[in-house]
N, C-alpha and C. Protein backbone atom coordinates (compact mmCIF):
# COMPACT_ATOMS: atom_id res chain seq x y z
N UNK A 1 111.83 35.51 -98.37
CA UNK A 1 113.03 35.71 -99.16
C UNK A 1 113.96 34.51 -98.99
N UNK A 2 114.55 34.06 -100.06
CA UNK A 2 115.47 32.94 -100.04
C UNK A 2 116.91 33.50 -100.05
N UNK A 3 117.74 32.92 -99.18
CA UNK A 3 119.16 33.30 -99.13
C UNK A 3 119.95 32.08 -99.53
N UNK A 4 120.92 32.28 -100.45
CA UNK A 4 121.72 31.15 -100.95
C UNK A 4 123.20 31.45 -100.68
N UNK A 5 123.88 30.44 -100.14
CA UNK A 5 125.30 30.53 -99.85
C UNK A 5 125.99 29.33 -100.45
N UNK A 6 127.26 29.50 -100.88
CA UNK A 6 128.05 28.37 -101.33
C UNK A 6 129.27 28.27 -100.45
N UNK A 7 129.68 27.06 -100.15
CA UNK A 7 130.86 26.82 -99.30
C UNK A 7 131.63 25.64 -99.86
N UNK A 8 132.86 25.50 -99.39
CA UNK A 8 133.76 24.44 -99.86
C UNK A 8 133.53 23.11 -99.17
N UNK A 9 133.16 23.15 -97.88
CA UNK A 9 133.15 21.91 -97.09
C UNK A 9 132.18 22.01 -95.91
N UNK A 10 132.11 20.92 -95.15
CA UNK A 10 131.22 20.85 -94.01
C UNK A 10 131.57 21.82 -92.89
N UNK A 11 132.84 22.09 -92.71
CA UNK A 11 133.26 23.05 -91.66
C UNK A 11 132.75 24.43 -92.00
N UNK A 12 132.94 24.86 -93.24
CA UNK A 12 132.44 26.16 -93.66
C UNK A 12 130.91 26.19 -93.61
N UNK A 13 130.29 25.07 -93.95
CA UNK A 13 128.81 24.99 -93.90
C UNK A 13 128.34 25.19 -92.48
N UNK A 14 128.99 24.56 -91.51
CA UNK A 14 128.61 24.74 -90.10
C UNK A 14 128.71 26.21 -89.70
N UNK A 15 129.79 26.89 -90.09
CA UNK A 15 129.96 28.30 -89.74
C UNK A 15 128.82 29.14 -90.35
N UNK A 16 128.51 28.92 -91.61
CA UNK A 16 127.47 29.71 -92.27
C UNK A 16 126.08 29.39 -91.69
N UNK A 17 125.83 28.14 -91.37
CA UNK A 17 124.54 27.76 -90.78
C UNK A 17 124.40 28.39 -89.42
N UNK A 18 125.47 28.41 -88.62
CA UNK A 18 125.44 29.07 -87.32
C UNK A 18 125.10 30.55 -87.49
N UNK A 19 125.67 31.20 -88.48
CA UNK A 19 125.37 32.62 -88.74
C UNK A 19 123.90 32.79 -89.10
N UNK A 20 123.38 31.90 -89.93
CA UNK A 20 121.96 31.98 -90.33
C UNK A 20 121.06 31.84 -89.12
N UNK A 21 121.39 30.94 -88.23
CA UNK A 21 120.59 30.74 -87.03
C UNK A 21 120.60 32.00 -86.17
N UNK A 22 121.75 32.65 -86.04
CA UNK A 22 121.81 33.88 -85.26
C UNK A 22 121.06 35.02 -85.94
N UNK A 23 120.86 34.89 -87.26
CA UNK A 23 120.08 35.90 -87.99
C UNK A 23 118.57 35.63 -87.91
N UNK A 24 118.18 34.53 -87.23
CA UNK A 24 116.78 34.26 -87.03
C UNK A 24 116.19 33.12 -87.86
N UNK A 25 116.98 32.47 -88.66
CA UNK A 25 116.47 31.31 -89.43
C UNK A 25 116.41 30.10 -88.50
N UNK A 26 115.34 29.31 -88.65
CA UNK A 26 115.26 28.02 -87.95
C UNK A 26 115.95 26.99 -88.78
N UNK A 27 116.53 25.98 -88.11
CA UNK A 27 117.25 24.94 -88.85
C UNK A 27 116.35 24.17 -89.81
N UNK A 28 115.03 24.13 -89.52
CA UNK A 28 114.14 23.44 -90.46
C UNK A 28 113.80 24.31 -91.68
N UNK A 29 114.38 25.50 -91.75
CA UNK A 29 114.24 26.39 -92.92
C UNK A 29 115.56 26.45 -93.71
N UNK A 30 116.53 25.67 -93.30
CA UNK A 30 117.85 25.67 -93.94
C UNK A 30 118.07 24.34 -94.63
N UNK A 31 118.36 24.39 -95.93
CA UNK A 31 118.56 23.19 -96.74
C UNK A 31 120.00 23.12 -97.22
N UNK A 32 120.57 21.95 -97.17
CA UNK A 32 121.92 21.73 -97.65
C UNK A 32 121.88 20.87 -98.90
N UNK A 33 122.67 21.24 -99.89
CA UNK A 33 122.74 20.49 -101.14
C UNK A 33 124.19 20.12 -101.43
N UNK A 34 124.40 18.92 -101.89
CA UNK A 34 125.70 18.47 -102.39
C UNK A 34 125.41 17.63 -103.64
N UNK A 35 126.39 17.54 -104.53
CA UNK A 35 126.13 16.75 -105.73
C UNK A 35 125.93 15.28 -105.42
N UNK A 36 126.70 14.76 -104.48
CA UNK A 36 126.54 13.39 -104.05
C UNK A 36 125.41 13.30 -103.03
N UNK A 37 124.43 12.45 -103.31
CA UNK A 37 123.29 12.30 -102.42
C UNK A 37 123.74 11.84 -101.04
N UNK A 38 124.69 10.93 -101.00
CA UNK A 38 125.18 10.41 -99.72
C UNK A 38 125.90 11.49 -98.92
N UNK A 39 126.75 12.28 -99.58
CA UNK A 39 127.44 13.39 -98.90
C UNK A 39 126.43 14.40 -98.36
N UNK A 40 125.44 14.70 -99.17
CA UNK A 40 124.40 15.65 -98.78
C UNK A 40 123.69 15.19 -97.50
N UNK A 41 123.27 13.95 -97.48
CA UNK A 41 122.54 13.41 -96.32
C UNK A 41 123.45 13.36 -95.09
N UNK A 42 124.70 12.92 -95.27
CA UNK A 42 125.63 12.82 -94.13
C UNK A 42 125.90 14.17 -93.50
N UNK A 43 126.22 15.18 -94.32
CA UNK A 43 126.54 16.51 -93.79
C UNK A 43 125.29 17.15 -93.16
N UNK A 44 124.15 17.03 -93.84
CA UNK A 44 122.92 17.61 -93.31
C UNK A 44 122.56 16.99 -91.96
N UNK A 45 122.76 15.69 -91.84
CA UNK A 45 122.45 15.03 -90.57
C UNK A 45 123.36 15.54 -89.44
N UNK A 46 124.64 15.67 -89.73
CA UNK A 46 125.59 16.13 -88.72
C UNK A 46 125.28 17.57 -88.30
N UNK A 47 124.90 18.41 -89.28
CA UNK A 47 124.62 19.82 -89.01
C UNK A 47 123.19 20.07 -88.59
N UNK A 48 122.37 19.02 -88.57
CA UNK A 48 120.98 19.12 -88.16
C UNK A 48 120.16 20.11 -88.98
N UNK A 49 120.34 20.03 -90.32
CA UNK A 49 119.54 20.84 -91.23
C UNK A 49 118.83 19.92 -92.20
N UNK A 50 118.04 20.52 -93.07
CA UNK A 50 117.16 19.76 -93.96
C UNK A 50 117.86 19.43 -95.29
N UNK A 51 117.34 18.40 -95.96
CA UNK A 51 117.60 18.15 -97.36
C UNK A 51 116.26 18.23 -98.06
N UNK A 52 116.25 18.68 -99.29
CA UNK A 52 114.99 18.82 -100.01
C UNK A 52 114.46 17.45 -100.38
N UNK A 53 113.17 17.29 -100.31
CA UNK A 53 112.54 16.02 -100.63
C UNK A 53 111.22 16.21 -101.34
N UNK A 54 110.42 15.17 -101.34
CA UNK A 54 109.15 15.18 -102.05
C UNK A 54 108.21 16.27 -101.53
N UNK A 55 108.25 16.55 -100.23
CA UNK A 55 107.37 17.57 -99.69
C UNK A 55 107.71 18.95 -100.21
N UNK A 56 108.97 19.14 -100.61
CA UNK A 56 109.41 20.43 -101.15
C UNK A 56 109.20 20.54 -102.64
N UNK A 57 109.32 19.45 -103.36
CA UNK A 57 109.20 19.47 -104.81
C UNK A 57 107.81 19.15 -105.31
N UNK A 58 106.96 18.64 -104.46
CA UNK A 58 105.64 18.19 -104.87
C UNK A 58 105.67 16.72 -105.22
N UNK A 59 104.52 16.08 -105.11
CA UNK A 59 104.43 14.64 -105.28
C UNK A 59 104.91 14.18 -106.66
N UNK A 60 104.36 14.80 -107.72
CA UNK A 60 104.67 14.31 -109.06
C UNK A 60 106.13 14.59 -109.45
N UNK A 61 106.65 15.75 -109.10
CA UNK A 61 108.06 16.00 -109.36
C UNK A 61 108.93 15.06 -108.52
N UNK A 62 108.49 14.80 -107.30
CA UNK A 62 109.23 13.88 -106.45
C UNK A 62 109.28 12.47 -107.03
N UNK A 63 108.17 12.02 -107.58
CA UNK A 63 108.15 10.71 -108.20
C UNK A 63 109.06 10.69 -109.43
N UNK A 64 109.02 11.78 -110.21
CA UNK A 64 109.89 11.89 -111.39
C UNK A 64 111.35 11.85 -110.98
N UNK A 65 111.66 12.47 -109.85
CA UNK A 65 113.04 12.54 -109.38
C UNK A 65 113.58 11.17 -108.99
N UNK A 66 112.69 10.23 -108.68
CA UNK A 66 113.12 8.90 -108.33
C UNK A 66 113.85 8.21 -109.48
N UNK A 67 113.52 8.59 -110.71
CA UNK A 67 114.17 7.99 -111.86
C UNK A 67 115.02 8.98 -112.65
N UNK A 68 115.07 10.23 -112.21
CA UNK A 68 115.82 11.26 -112.90
C UNK A 68 117.31 11.16 -112.59
N UNK A 69 118.11 11.74 -113.45
CA UNK A 69 119.55 11.87 -113.19
C UNK A 69 119.72 12.82 -112.02
N UNK A 70 120.83 12.71 -111.30
CA UNK A 70 121.06 13.53 -110.11
C UNK A 70 121.00 15.02 -110.41
N UNK A 71 121.54 15.46 -111.56
CA UNK A 71 121.50 16.88 -111.91
C UNK A 71 120.06 17.38 -112.07
N UNK A 72 119.23 16.57 -112.75
CA UNK A 72 117.82 16.95 -112.90
C UNK A 72 117.12 17.00 -111.55
N UNK A 73 117.41 16.02 -110.70
CA UNK A 73 116.84 15.96 -109.37
C UNK A 73 117.21 17.20 -108.58
N UNK A 74 118.48 17.58 -108.61
CA UNK A 74 118.94 18.74 -107.86
C UNK A 74 118.27 20.01 -108.33
N UNK A 75 118.17 20.19 -109.65
CA UNK A 75 117.51 21.40 -110.16
C UNK A 75 116.08 21.45 -109.71
N UNK A 76 115.39 20.34 -109.74
CA UNK A 76 114.01 20.27 -109.30
C UNK A 76 113.89 20.60 -107.80
N UNK A 77 114.82 20.09 -107.01
CA UNK A 77 114.81 20.36 -105.57
C UNK A 77 115.11 21.82 -105.28
N UNK A 78 116.05 22.42 -106.03
CA UNK A 78 116.32 23.83 -105.88
C UNK A 78 115.06 24.66 -106.14
N UNK A 79 114.36 24.33 -107.21
CA UNK A 79 113.13 25.05 -107.51
C UNK A 79 112.09 24.82 -106.41
N UNK A 80 112.09 23.63 -105.84
CA UNK A 80 111.13 23.31 -104.78
C UNK A 80 111.35 24.10 -103.51
N UNK A 81 112.56 24.59 -103.30
CA UNK A 81 112.82 25.40 -102.08
C UNK A 81 112.88 26.89 -102.40
N UNK A 82 112.42 27.28 -103.60
CA UNK A 82 112.22 28.68 -103.89
C UNK A 82 113.15 29.34 -104.89
N UNK A 83 114.04 28.61 -105.52
CA UNK A 83 114.91 29.20 -106.53
C UNK A 83 114.23 29.17 -107.90
N UNK A 84 114.60 30.12 -108.74
CA UNK A 84 114.07 30.13 -110.12
C UNK A 84 114.77 29.03 -110.90
N UNK A 85 114.25 28.74 -112.08
CA UNK A 85 114.87 27.72 -112.94
C UNK A 85 116.30 28.13 -113.29
N UNK A 86 116.51 29.40 -113.58
CA UNK A 86 117.85 29.89 -113.93
C UNK A 86 118.79 29.74 -112.72
N UNK A 87 118.33 30.09 -111.52
CA UNK A 87 119.17 29.92 -110.32
C UNK A 87 119.46 28.46 -110.07
N UNK A 88 118.46 27.60 -110.27
CA UNK A 88 118.65 26.17 -110.08
C UNK A 88 119.74 25.64 -111.02
N UNK A 89 119.72 26.08 -112.26
CA UNK A 89 120.76 25.66 -113.22
C UNK A 89 122.13 26.13 -112.75
N UNK A 90 122.19 27.37 -112.30
CA UNK A 90 123.46 27.98 -111.86
C UNK A 90 124.03 27.22 -110.65
N UNK A 91 123.20 26.96 -109.66
CA UNK A 91 123.70 26.31 -108.45
C UNK A 91 123.96 24.82 -108.65
N UNK A 92 123.28 24.21 -109.59
CA UNK A 92 123.62 22.81 -109.89
C UNK A 92 125.03 22.72 -110.47
N UNK A 93 125.42 23.71 -111.23
CA UNK A 93 126.79 23.75 -111.77
C UNK A 93 127.81 23.98 -110.66
N UNK A 94 127.44 24.77 -109.65
CA UNK A 94 128.31 24.98 -108.48
C UNK A 94 128.53 23.62 -107.79
N UNK A 95 127.48 22.84 -107.66
CA UNK A 95 127.60 21.51 -107.04
C UNK A 95 128.49 20.60 -107.87
N UNK A 96 128.44 20.73 -109.18
CA UNK A 96 129.30 19.93 -110.07
C UNK A 96 130.77 20.16 -109.74
N UNK A 97 131.09 21.36 -109.25
CA UNK A 97 132.46 21.70 -108.89
C UNK A 97 132.88 21.21 -107.51
N UNK A 98 131.98 20.48 -106.82
CA UNK A 98 132.33 19.92 -105.52
C UNK A 98 131.97 20.78 -104.33
N UNK A 99 131.42 21.94 -104.57
CA UNK A 99 131.04 22.82 -103.45
C UNK A 99 129.69 22.38 -102.89
N UNK A 100 129.34 22.95 -101.74
CA UNK A 100 128.04 22.74 -101.12
C UNK A 100 127.22 24.01 -101.29
N UNK A 101 125.91 23.86 -101.37
CA UNK A 101 125.01 25.00 -101.47
C UNK A 101 124.05 24.93 -100.29
N UNK A 102 123.90 26.07 -99.64
CA UNK A 102 122.97 26.21 -98.50
C UNK A 102 121.89 27.17 -98.94
N UNK A 103 120.64 26.76 -98.78
CA UNK A 103 119.49 27.60 -99.08
C UNK A 103 118.68 27.80 -97.80
N UNK A 104 118.49 29.05 -97.44
CA UNK A 104 117.70 29.36 -96.24
C UNK A 104 116.45 30.13 -96.63
N UNK A 105 115.34 29.70 -96.07
CA UNK A 105 114.05 30.36 -96.33
C UNK A 105 113.61 31.03 -95.04
N UNK A 106 113.03 32.22 -95.15
CA UNK A 106 112.45 32.78 -93.95
C UNK A 106 111.06 32.18 -93.78
N UNK A 107 110.45 32.40 -92.65
CA UNK A 107 109.20 31.74 -92.29
C UNK A 107 108.09 32.01 -93.29
N UNK A 108 108.12 33.12 -93.99
CA UNK A 108 107.06 33.44 -94.94
C UNK A 108 107.20 32.69 -96.26
N UNK A 109 108.38 32.09 -96.50
CA UNK A 109 108.60 31.37 -97.77
C UNK A 109 108.03 29.97 -97.76
N UNK A 110 107.87 29.38 -96.61
CA UNK A 110 107.47 27.98 -96.51
C UNK A 110 106.00 27.79 -96.69
């Protein structure tokens, strides 16, 4: 089962990630998304969680994402970590508003 949370900033993200860890999620099962690629990588690194990449989206989608617009890339990455196309569209719009999205997968989802 995939659990999705939205937060305003890195401080709130840390609090929610800590809660997920206490619920039994491993940090390598928790993905952080931000509209800015640089912001996403910086916050994920500080919080020691994952960002979606080619291993999550598949080789061909990953290659396509290298030339895709950021919104297209994000929707593809959301789908790669277990969200439906409709959910991916919805959460990409959340990112447009400056919020962060956290996606947690349980061990059976990976």
